């Protein structure tokens, strides 16, 4: 019998995303969190494309820039960001995930879970890269962060 382990999933093929239960992504009430998010998002300006992808010669906002672009505004409005990794086995296949949680000081929360696609050599470096991508995309999506050009051409 094949056992699915965190190590063996590095070689597993891509499988469809499973349906998420309605109660898995938020606390019972989110009114205080929603109000705080609205205030924070009104102050978030976006993330500058300060890094360059050498393979595609295109700019992007790296994880640090995304964090810098939203953490002061989220913190000011009593919202913490918690990101972690998870490994789950479903239907015989194992998958890694990055989970991003926005947690308000009231205890209300919202969560987004991003399944990682492991590329490259299917080693720990590929997993680490996928985690970084998952954290960047998860935080950008949850905080409503867009990327913009920071090279002087954005005013054209």
N, C-alpha and C. Protein backbone atom coordinates (compact mmCIF):
# COMPACT_ATOMS: atom_id res chain seq x y z
N UNK A 1 0.84 -1.17 0.00
CA UNK A 1 0.00 0.00 0.00
C UNK A 1 0.89 1.24 0.00
N UNK A 2 0.59 2.21 -0.86
CA UNK A 2 1.33 3.46 -0.91
C UNK A 2 0.86 4.38 0.19
N UNK A 3 1.79 4.87 0.97
CA UNK A 3 1.45 5.81 2.03
C UNK A 3 1.84 7.21 1.57
N UNK A 4 0.94 8.17 1.74
CA UNK A 4 1.24 9.54 1.37
C UNK A 4 1.85 10.25 2.57
N UNK A 5 3.05 10.78 2.37
CA UNK A 5 3.76 11.50 3.41
C UNK A 5 4.13 12.88 2.87
N UNK A 6 4.51 13.82 3.75
CA UNK A 6 4.94 15.12 3.25
C UNK A 6 6.07 15.02 2.24
N UNK A 7 6.96 14.06 2.41
CA UNK A 7 8.07 13.90 1.48
C UNK A 7 7.60 13.37 0.12
N UNK A 8 6.66 12.43 0.14
CA UNK A 8 6.24 11.81 -1.12
C UNK A 8 5.40 12.75 -1.98
N UNK A 9 4.78 13.77 -1.37
CA UNK A 9 3.94 14.67 -2.16
C UNK A 9 4.78 15.55 -3.07
N UNK A 10 6.06 15.70 -2.77
CA UNK A 10 6.91 16.49 -3.64
C UNK A 10 6.94 15.92 -5.05
N UNK A 11 6.64 14.63 -5.19
CA UNK A 11 6.60 13.99 -6.50
C UNK A 11 5.18 13.72 -6.98
N UNK A 12 4.17 14.13 -6.20
CA UNK A 12 2.78 13.85 -6.56
C UNK A 12 2.32 14.78 -7.68
N UNK A 13 1.37 14.30 -8.47
CA UNK A 13 0.83 15.12 -9.54
C UNK A 13 -0.25 16.05 -9.01
N UNK A 14 -0.55 17.08 -9.78
CA UNK A 14 -1.56 18.07 -9.40
C UNK A 14 -2.94 17.43 -9.38
N UNK A 15 -3.73 17.75 -8.38
CA UNK A 15 -5.09 17.22 -8.26
C UNK A 15 -6.05 18.38 -8.04
N UNK A 16 -7.33 18.23 -8.36
CA UNK A 16 -8.28 19.33 -8.21
C UNK A 16 -8.44 19.77 -6.75
N UNK A 17 -8.76 21.04 -6.57
CA UNK A 17 -8.97 21.60 -5.23
C UNK A 17 -10.28 21.07 -4.68
N UNK A 18 -10.25 20.71 -3.41
CA UNK A 18 -11.44 20.18 -2.76
C UNK A 18 -12.36 21.32 -2.34
N UNK A 19 -13.62 21.01 -2.19
CA UNK A 19 -14.60 22.00 -1.76
C UNK A 19 -14.34 22.40 -0.31
N UNK A 20 -14.44 23.70 -0.04
CA UNK A 20 -14.21 24.22 1.30
C UNK A 20 -15.55 24.34 2.03
N UNK A 21 -15.60 23.89 3.26
CA UNK A 21 -16.81 24.03 4.06
C UNK A 21 -17.02 25.49 4.40
N UNK A 22 -18.27 25.94 4.45
CA UNK A 22 -18.56 27.35 4.66
C UNK A 22 -18.01 27.89 5.98
N UNK A 23 -17.94 27.09 7.01
CA UNK A 23 -17.48 27.58 8.31
C UNK A 23 -15.97 27.53 8.47
N UNK A 24 -15.25 27.00 7.50
CA UNK A 24 -13.81 26.85 7.61
C UNK A 24 -13.03 28.13 7.34
N UNK A 25 -13.65 29.13 6.75
CA UNK A 25 -12.88 30.29 6.31
C UNK A 25 -13.08 31.55 7.14
N UNK A 26 -14.02 31.53 8.12
CA UNK A 26 -14.24 32.73 8.92
C UNK A 26 -14.85 32.38 10.27
N UNK A 27 -14.74 33.33 11.19
CA UNK A 27 -15.40 33.17 12.48
C UNK A 27 -16.90 33.37 12.29
N UNK A 28 -17.67 33.04 13.30
CA UNK A 28 -19.12 33.15 13.19
C UNK A 28 -19.55 34.57 12.82
N UNK A 29 -18.93 35.57 13.43
CA UNK A 29 -19.21 36.97 13.11
C UNK A 29 -17.94 37.63 12.61
N UNK A 30 -18.07 38.54 11.65
CA UNK A 30 -16.89 39.27 11.15
C UNK A 30 -17.16 40.76 11.03
N UNK A 31 -18.20 41.27 11.68
CA UNK A 31 -18.55 42.68 11.55
C UNK A 31 -17.42 43.61 12.02
N UNK A 32 -16.78 43.32 13.13
CA UNK A 32 -15.70 44.16 13.64
C UNK A 32 -14.46 44.04 12.75
N UNK A 33 -14.18 42.84 12.31
CA UNK A 33 -13.05 42.63 11.39
C UNK A 33 -13.31 43.33 10.06
N UNK A 34 -14.53 43.23 9.56
CA UNK A 34 -14.85 43.87 8.27
C UNK A 34 -14.69 45.38 8.35
N UNK A 35 -15.15 45.98 9.45
CA UNK A 35 -14.99 47.43 9.62
C UNK A 35 -13.53 47.83 9.69
N UNK A 36 -12.74 47.06 10.43
CA UNK A 36 -11.31 47.34 10.56
C UNK A 36 -10.59 47.14 9.22
N UNK A 37 -10.99 46.12 8.47
CA UNK A 37 -10.39 45.88 7.15
C UNK A 37 -10.71 47.03 6.19
N UNK A 38 -11.94 47.53 6.23
CA UNK A 38 -12.32 48.65 5.36
C UNK A 38 -11.44 49.86 5.65
N UNK A 39 -11.19 50.14 6.91
CA UNK A 39 -10.32 51.27 7.29
C UNK A 39 -8.90 51.03 6.82
N UNK A 40 -8.38 49.82 7.08
CA UNK A 40 -7.01 49.50 6.68
C UNK A 40 -6.85 49.58 5.17
N UNK A 41 -7.80 49.01 4.43
CA UNK A 41 -7.68 49.01 2.97
C UNK A 41 -7.77 50.41 2.38
N UNK A 42 -8.45 51.33 3.06
CA UNK A 42 -8.52 52.69 2.55
C UNK A 42 -7.16 53.38 2.63
N UNK A 43 -6.25 52.83 3.44
CA UNK A 43 -4.91 53.40 3.61
C UNK A 43 -3.83 52.63 2.87
N UNK A 44 -4.12 51.41 2.43
CA UNK A 44 -3.13 50.58 1.72
C UNK A 44 -3.01 51.09 0.29
N UNK A 45 -1.79 51.40 -0.12
CA UNK A 45 -1.56 51.97 -1.45
C UNK A 45 -1.14 50.95 -2.50
N UNK A 46 -0.82 49.76 -2.10
CA UNK A 46 -0.36 48.74 -3.04
C UNK A 46 1.10 48.43 -2.80
N UNK A 47 1.61 47.49 -3.55
CA UNK A 47 2.99 47.04 -3.40
C UNK A 47 3.76 47.34 -4.68
N UNK A 48 4.89 48.01 -4.54
CA UNK A 48 5.71 48.37 -5.69
C UNK A 48 6.44 47.14 -6.22
N UNK A 49 6.56 47.06 -7.53
CA UNK A 49 7.32 45.99 -8.18
C UNK A 49 8.80 46.33 -8.09
N UNK A 50 9.43 45.95 -6.98
CA UNK A 50 10.83 46.29 -6.73
C UNK A 50 11.80 45.17 -7.11
N UNK A 51 11.29 43.98 -7.36
CA UNK A 51 12.14 42.83 -7.70
C UNK A 51 11.95 42.48 -9.16
N UNK A 52 12.94 41.77 -9.72
CA UNK A 52 12.88 41.38 -11.13
C UNK A 52 13.01 39.87 -11.24
N UNK A 53 12.08 39.27 -12.00
CA UNK A 53 12.15 37.85 -12.29
C UNK A 53 13.13 37.68 -13.46
N UNK A 54 14.30 37.05 -13.24
CA UNK A 54 15.30 36.94 -14.30
C UNK A 54 14.86 36.06 -15.47
N UNK A 55 13.93 35.14 -15.24
CA UNK A 55 13.49 34.25 -16.31
C UNK A 55 12.56 34.96 -17.29
N UNK A 56 11.72 35.84 -16.77
CA UNK A 56 10.74 36.53 -17.62
C UNK A 56 11.07 38.01 -17.80
N UNK A 57 12.14 38.49 -17.12
CA UNK A 57 12.54 39.89 -17.16
C UNK A 57 11.36 40.80 -16.87
N UNK A 58 10.61 40.44 -15.82
CA UNK A 58 9.45 41.24 -15.43
C UNK A 58 9.56 41.60 -13.95
N UNK A 59 8.96 42.71 -13.59
CA UNK A 59 8.99 43.16 -12.22
C UNK A 59 7.87 42.53 -11.40
N UNK A 60 8.11 42.41 -10.10
CA UNK A 60 7.09 41.92 -9.20
C UNK A 60 7.38 42.44 -7.79
N UNK A 61 6.35 42.45 -6.96
CA UNK A 61 6.50 42.82 -5.56
C UNK A 61 6.82 41.55 -4.78
N UNK A 62 7.99 41.50 -4.17
CA UNK A 62 8.37 40.31 -3.40
C UNK A 62 7.62 40.29 -2.07
N UNK A 63 7.79 39.21 -1.31
CA UNK A 63 7.06 39.03 -0.06
C UNK A 63 7.33 40.18 0.91
N UNK A 64 8.58 40.59 1.04
CA UNK A 64 8.91 41.68 1.96
C UNK A 64 8.18 42.98 1.58
N UNK A 65 8.13 43.28 0.29
CA UNK A 65 7.45 44.49 -0.17
C UNK A 65 5.95 44.40 0.09
N UNK A 66 5.36 43.25 -0.11
CA UNK A 66 3.93 43.06 0.18
C UNK A 66 3.67 43.26 1.67
N UNK A 67 4.53 42.69 2.52
CA UNK A 67 4.37 42.85 3.96
C UNK A 67 4.49 44.33 4.34
N UNK A 68 5.52 45.00 3.80
CA UNK A 68 5.71 46.43 4.08
C UNK A 68 4.51 47.28 3.64
N UNK A 69 3.86 46.86 2.58
CA UNK A 69 2.78 47.67 2.01
C UNK A 69 1.48 47.60 2.81
N UNK A 70 1.35 46.63 3.73
CA UNK A 70 0.08 46.50 4.43
C UNK A 70 0.17 46.36 5.94
N UNK A 71 1.28 45.91 6.47
CA UNK A 71 1.33 45.64 7.91
C UNK A 71 1.11 46.87 8.78
N UNK A 72 1.67 48.04 8.46
CA UNK A 72 1.39 49.20 9.31
C UNK A 72 -0.11 49.53 9.36
N UNK A 73 -0.79 49.45 8.23
CA UNK A 73 -2.21 49.77 8.17
C UNK A 73 -3.05 48.70 8.87
N UNK A 74 -2.70 47.44 8.69
CA UNK A 74 -3.43 46.38 9.37
C UNK A 74 -3.23 46.48 10.88
N UNK A 75 -1.99 46.65 11.31
CA UNK A 75 -1.69 46.75 12.74
C UNK A 75 -2.40 47.95 13.37
N UNK A 76 -2.39 49.08 12.68
CA UNK A 76 -3.05 50.29 13.17
C UNK A 76 -4.54 50.04 13.44
N UNK A 77 -5.13 49.12 12.68
CA UNK A 77 -6.55 48.81 12.81
C UNK A 77 -6.79 47.49 13.56
N UNK A 78 -5.80 47.10 14.38
CA UNK A 78 -5.92 45.94 15.27
C UNK A 78 -6.10 44.60 14.54
N UNK A 79 -5.44 44.48 13.39
CA UNK A 79 -5.51 43.24 12.62
C UNK A 79 -4.11 42.63 12.56
N UNK A 80 -4.00 41.39 12.98
CA UNK A 80 -2.76 40.64 12.89
C UNK A 80 -2.84 39.69 11.71
N UNK A 81 -1.69 39.37 11.14
CA UNK A 81 -1.60 38.40 10.05
C UNK A 81 -0.84 37.20 10.57
N UNK A 82 -1.42 36.03 10.40
CA UNK A 82 -0.76 34.79 10.79
C UNK A 82 -0.71 33.91 9.55
N UNK A 83 0.49 33.47 9.20
CA UNK A 83 0.65 32.57 8.06
C UNK A 83 1.37 31.32 8.51
N UNK A 84 0.86 30.20 8.09
CA UNK A 84 1.48 28.94 8.44
C UNK A 84 1.36 27.94 7.31
N UNK A 85 2.03 26.82 7.48
CA UNK A 85 1.97 25.77 6.48
C UNK A 85 1.22 24.58 7.05
N UNK A 86 0.73 23.76 6.14
CA UNK A 86 -0.04 22.59 6.54
C UNK A 86 0.18 21.52 5.48
N UNK A 87 -0.03 20.30 5.87
CA UNK A 87 0.04 19.16 4.96
C UNK A 87 -1.19 18.31 5.22
N UNK A 88 -1.92 18.00 4.17
CA UNK A 88 -3.13 17.20 4.31
C UNK A 88 -3.14 16.08 3.28
N UNK A 89 -3.72 14.96 3.68
CA UNK A 89 -3.91 13.84 2.77
C UNK A 89 -5.39 13.70 2.51
N UNK A 90 -5.74 13.64 1.22
CA UNK A 90 -7.14 13.49 0.83
C UNK A 90 -7.20 12.59 -0.40
N UNK A 91 -8.04 11.61 -0.36
CA UNK A 91 -8.19 10.67 -1.47
C UNK A 91 -6.86 10.06 -1.88
N UNK A 92 -6.01 9.80 -0.91
CA UNK A 92 -4.74 9.15 -1.18
C UNK A 92 -3.64 10.07 -1.67
N UNK A 93 -3.94 11.35 -1.86
CA UNK A 93 -2.93 12.30 -2.33
C UNK A 93 -2.62 13.30 -1.22
N UNK A 94 -1.35 13.66 -1.10
CA UNK A 94 -0.94 14.63 -0.10
C UNK A 94 -0.68 15.98 -0.73
N UNK A 95 -1.00 17.04 0.01
CA UNK A 95 -0.83 18.39 -0.51
C UNK A 95 -0.31 19.31 0.59
N UNK A 96 0.60 20.20 0.20
CA UNK A 96 1.06 21.26 1.08
C UNK A 96 0.18 22.48 0.87
N UNK A 97 0.01 23.27 1.94
CA UNK A 97 -0.79 24.48 1.90
C UNK A 97 -0.10 25.59 2.67
N UNK A 98 -0.37 26.84 2.28
CA UNK A 98 -0.08 28.00 3.10
C UNK A 98 -1.43 28.56 3.49
N UNK A 99 -1.61 28.80 4.78
CA UNK A 99 -2.85 29.36 5.29
C UNK A 99 -2.56 30.77 5.80
N UNK A 100 -3.34 31.73 5.33
CA UNK A 100 -3.22 33.12 5.77
C UNK A 100 -4.47 33.45 6.58
N UNK A 101 -4.27 33.91 7.81
CA UNK A 101 -5.38 34.28 8.67
C UNK A 101 -5.24 35.75 9.06
N UNK A 102 -6.32 36.50 8.88
CA UNK A 102 -6.41 37.86 9.40
C UNK A 102 -7.18 37.77 10.70
N UNK A 103 -6.56 38.20 11.79
CA UNK A 103 -7.13 38.06 13.12
C UNK A 103 -7.31 39.44 13.73
N UNK A 104 -8.53 39.78 14.06
CA UNK A 104 -8.85 41.08 14.68
C UNK A 104 -8.73 40.96 16.20
N UNK A 105 -8.46 42.08 16.87
CA UNK A 105 -8.32 42.08 18.32
C UNK A 105 -9.60 41.62 19.04
N UNK A 106 -10.74 41.66 18.35
CA UNK A 106 -12.00 41.18 18.92
C UNK A 106 -12.08 39.66 18.97
N UNK A 107 -11.15 39.00 18.28
CA UNK A 107 -11.18 37.54 18.17
C UNK A 107 -11.79 37.06 16.87
N UNK A 108 -12.37 37.97 16.09
CA UNK A 108 -12.93 37.59 14.79
C UNK A 108 -11.79 37.35 13.80
N UNK A 109 -12.03 36.47 12.85
CA UNK A 109 -10.98 36.10 11.91
C UNK A 109 -11.55 35.68 10.56
N UNK A 110 -10.68 35.77 9.56
CA UNK A 110 -10.95 35.25 8.20
C UNK A 110 -9.70 34.53 7.76
N UNK A 111 -9.89 33.47 6.96
CA UNK A 111 -8.76 32.63 6.57
C UNK A 111 -8.86 32.27 5.09
N UNK A 112 -7.71 32.18 4.49
CA UNK A 112 -7.61 31.72 3.11
C UNK A 112 -6.53 30.65 3.05
N UNK A 113 -6.81 29.60 2.33
CA UNK A 113 -5.88 28.48 2.24
C UNK A 113 -5.48 28.30 0.78
N UNK A 114 -4.17 28.30 0.53
CA UNK A 114 -3.65 28.20 -0.83
C UNK A 114 -2.85 26.90 -0.95
N UNK A 115 -3.30 26.03 -1.84
CA UNK A 115 -2.55 24.79 -2.05
C UNK A 115 -1.32 25.11 -2.90
N UNK A 116 -0.21 24.54 -2.51
CA UNK A 116 1.06 24.82 -3.18
C UNK A 116 1.31 23.81 -4.29
N UNK A 117 1.84 24.31 -5.36
CA UNK A 117 2.28 23.45 -6.47
C UNK A 117 3.80 23.46 -6.41
N UNK A 118 4.38 22.31 -6.21
CA UNK A 118 5.82 22.19 -6.04
C UNK A 118 6.46 21.98 -7.41
N UNK A 119 7.36 22.88 -7.77
CA UNK A 119 8.05 22.77 -9.06
C UNK A 119 9.51 22.42 -8.86
N UNK A 120 10.24 22.53 -9.93
CA UNK A 120 11.69 22.32 -9.86
C UNK A 120 12.05 20.88 -9.57
N UNK A 121 13.08 20.73 -8.75
CA UNK A 121 13.64 19.41 -8.44
C UNK A 121 12.82 18.63 -7.42
N UNK A 122 11.73 19.18 -6.93
CA UNK A 122 10.90 18.51 -5.91
C UNK A 122 11.70 18.24 -4.64
N UNK A 123 12.49 19.25 -4.24
CA UNK A 123 13.27 19.14 -3.02
C UNK A 123 12.85 20.23 -2.04
N UNK A 124 13.57 20.36 -0.94
CA UNK A 124 13.20 21.32 0.09
C UNK A 124 13.29 22.76 -0.43
N UNK A 125 14.22 23.04 -1.35
CA UNK A 125 14.30 24.39 -1.92
C UNK A 125 13.06 24.69 -2.75
N UNK A 126 12.56 23.72 -3.48
CA UNK A 126 11.33 23.92 -4.27
C UNK A 126 10.14 24.14 -3.34
N UNK A 127 10.10 23.40 -2.24
CA UNK A 127 9.04 23.59 -1.26
C UNK A 127 9.13 24.98 -0.63
N UNK A 128 10.34 25.40 -0.26
CA UNK A 128 10.53 26.73 0.32
C UNK A 128 10.10 27.83 -0.63
N UNK A 129 10.43 27.69 -1.89
CA UNK A 129 10.02 28.66 -2.89
C UNK A 129 8.50 28.71 -3.02
N UNK A 130 7.88 27.55 -3.04
CA UNK A 130 6.42 27.49 -3.14
C UNK A 130 5.76 28.13 -1.92
N UNK A 131 6.33 27.92 -0.74
CA UNK A 131 5.80 28.53 0.48
C UNK A 131 5.88 30.05 0.39
N UNK A 132 7.01 30.57 -0.09
CA UNK A 132 7.16 32.02 -0.24
C UNK A 132 6.13 32.57 -1.21
N UNK A 133 5.94 31.90 -2.34
CA UNK A 133 4.91 32.33 -3.29
C UNK A 133 3.53 32.29 -2.63
N UNK A 134 3.24 31.21 -1.93
CA UNK A 134 1.94 31.07 -1.27
C UNK A 134 1.70 32.16 -0.24
N UNK A 135 2.72 32.51 0.51
CA UNK A 135 2.58 33.59 1.50
C UNK A 135 2.33 34.93 0.81
N UNK A 136 3.08 35.21 -0.25
CA UNK A 136 2.92 36.48 -0.97
C UNK A 136 1.55 36.58 -1.59
N UNK A 137 1.12 35.54 -2.29
CA UNK A 137 -0.19 35.56 -2.94
C UNK A 137 -1.32 35.58 -1.92
N UNK A 138 -1.17 34.81 -0.83
CA UNK A 138 -2.20 34.75 0.19
C UNK A 138 -2.40 36.10 0.87
N UNK A 139 -1.31 36.74 1.27
CA UNK A 139 -1.41 38.03 1.93
C UNK A 139 -1.95 39.09 0.97
N UNK A 140 -1.47 39.08 -0.26
CA UNK A 140 -1.96 40.05 -1.25
C UNK A 140 -3.47 39.91 -1.45
N UNK A 141 -3.93 38.69 -1.56
CA UNK A 141 -5.36 38.45 -1.78
C UNK A 141 -6.18 38.85 -0.56
N UNK A 142 -5.75 38.47 0.63
CA UNK A 142 -6.52 38.75 1.84
C UNK A 142 -6.56 40.24 2.18
N UNK A 143 -5.46 40.95 1.94
CA UNK A 143 -5.40 42.37 2.28
C UNK A 143 -5.86 43.26 1.13
N UNK A 144 -6.10 42.68 -0.05
CA UNK A 144 -6.54 43.48 -1.19
C UNK A 144 -5.42 44.29 -1.81
N UNK A 145 -4.22 43.74 -1.84
CA UNK A 145 -3.05 44.46 -2.33
C UNK A 145 -2.85 44.21 -3.82
N UNK A 146 -2.73 45.31 -4.56
CA UNK A 146 -2.36 45.23 -5.97
C UNK A 146 -0.91 45.63 -6.12
N UNK A 147 -0.32 45.26 -7.24
CA UNK A 147 1.06 45.65 -7.52
C UNK A 147 1.06 46.81 -8.50
N UNK A 148 2.04 47.69 -8.34
CA UNK A 148 2.17 48.81 -9.28
C UNK A 148 3.63 49.00 -9.65
N UNK A 149 3.86 49.61 -10.81
CA UNK A 149 5.21 49.89 -11.25
C UNK A 149 5.78 51.05 -10.45
N UNK A 150 7.02 50.94 -10.06
CA UNK A 150 7.69 51.97 -9.28
C UNK A 150 8.93 52.44 -10.03
N UNK A 151 8.83 52.52 -11.35
CA UNK A 151 10.00 52.87 -12.15
C UNK A 151 9.85 54.19 -12.88
N UNK A 152 8.90 55.01 -12.50
CA UNK A 152 8.72 56.30 -13.15
C UNK A 152 7.82 56.23 -14.36
N UNK A 153 7.47 55.03 -14.82
CA UNK A 153 6.63 54.89 -16.01
C UNK A 153 5.16 54.83 -15.66
N UNK A 154 4.81 54.75 -14.38
CA UNK A 154 3.42 54.58 -14.01
C UNK A 154 2.59 55.84 -14.21
N UNK A 155 3.24 56.97 -14.45
CA UNK A 155 2.52 58.23 -14.65
C UNK A 155 2.24 58.51 -16.14
N UNK A 156 2.58 57.60 -17.01
CA UNK A 156 2.38 57.80 -18.44
C UNK A 156 0.94 57.55 -18.82
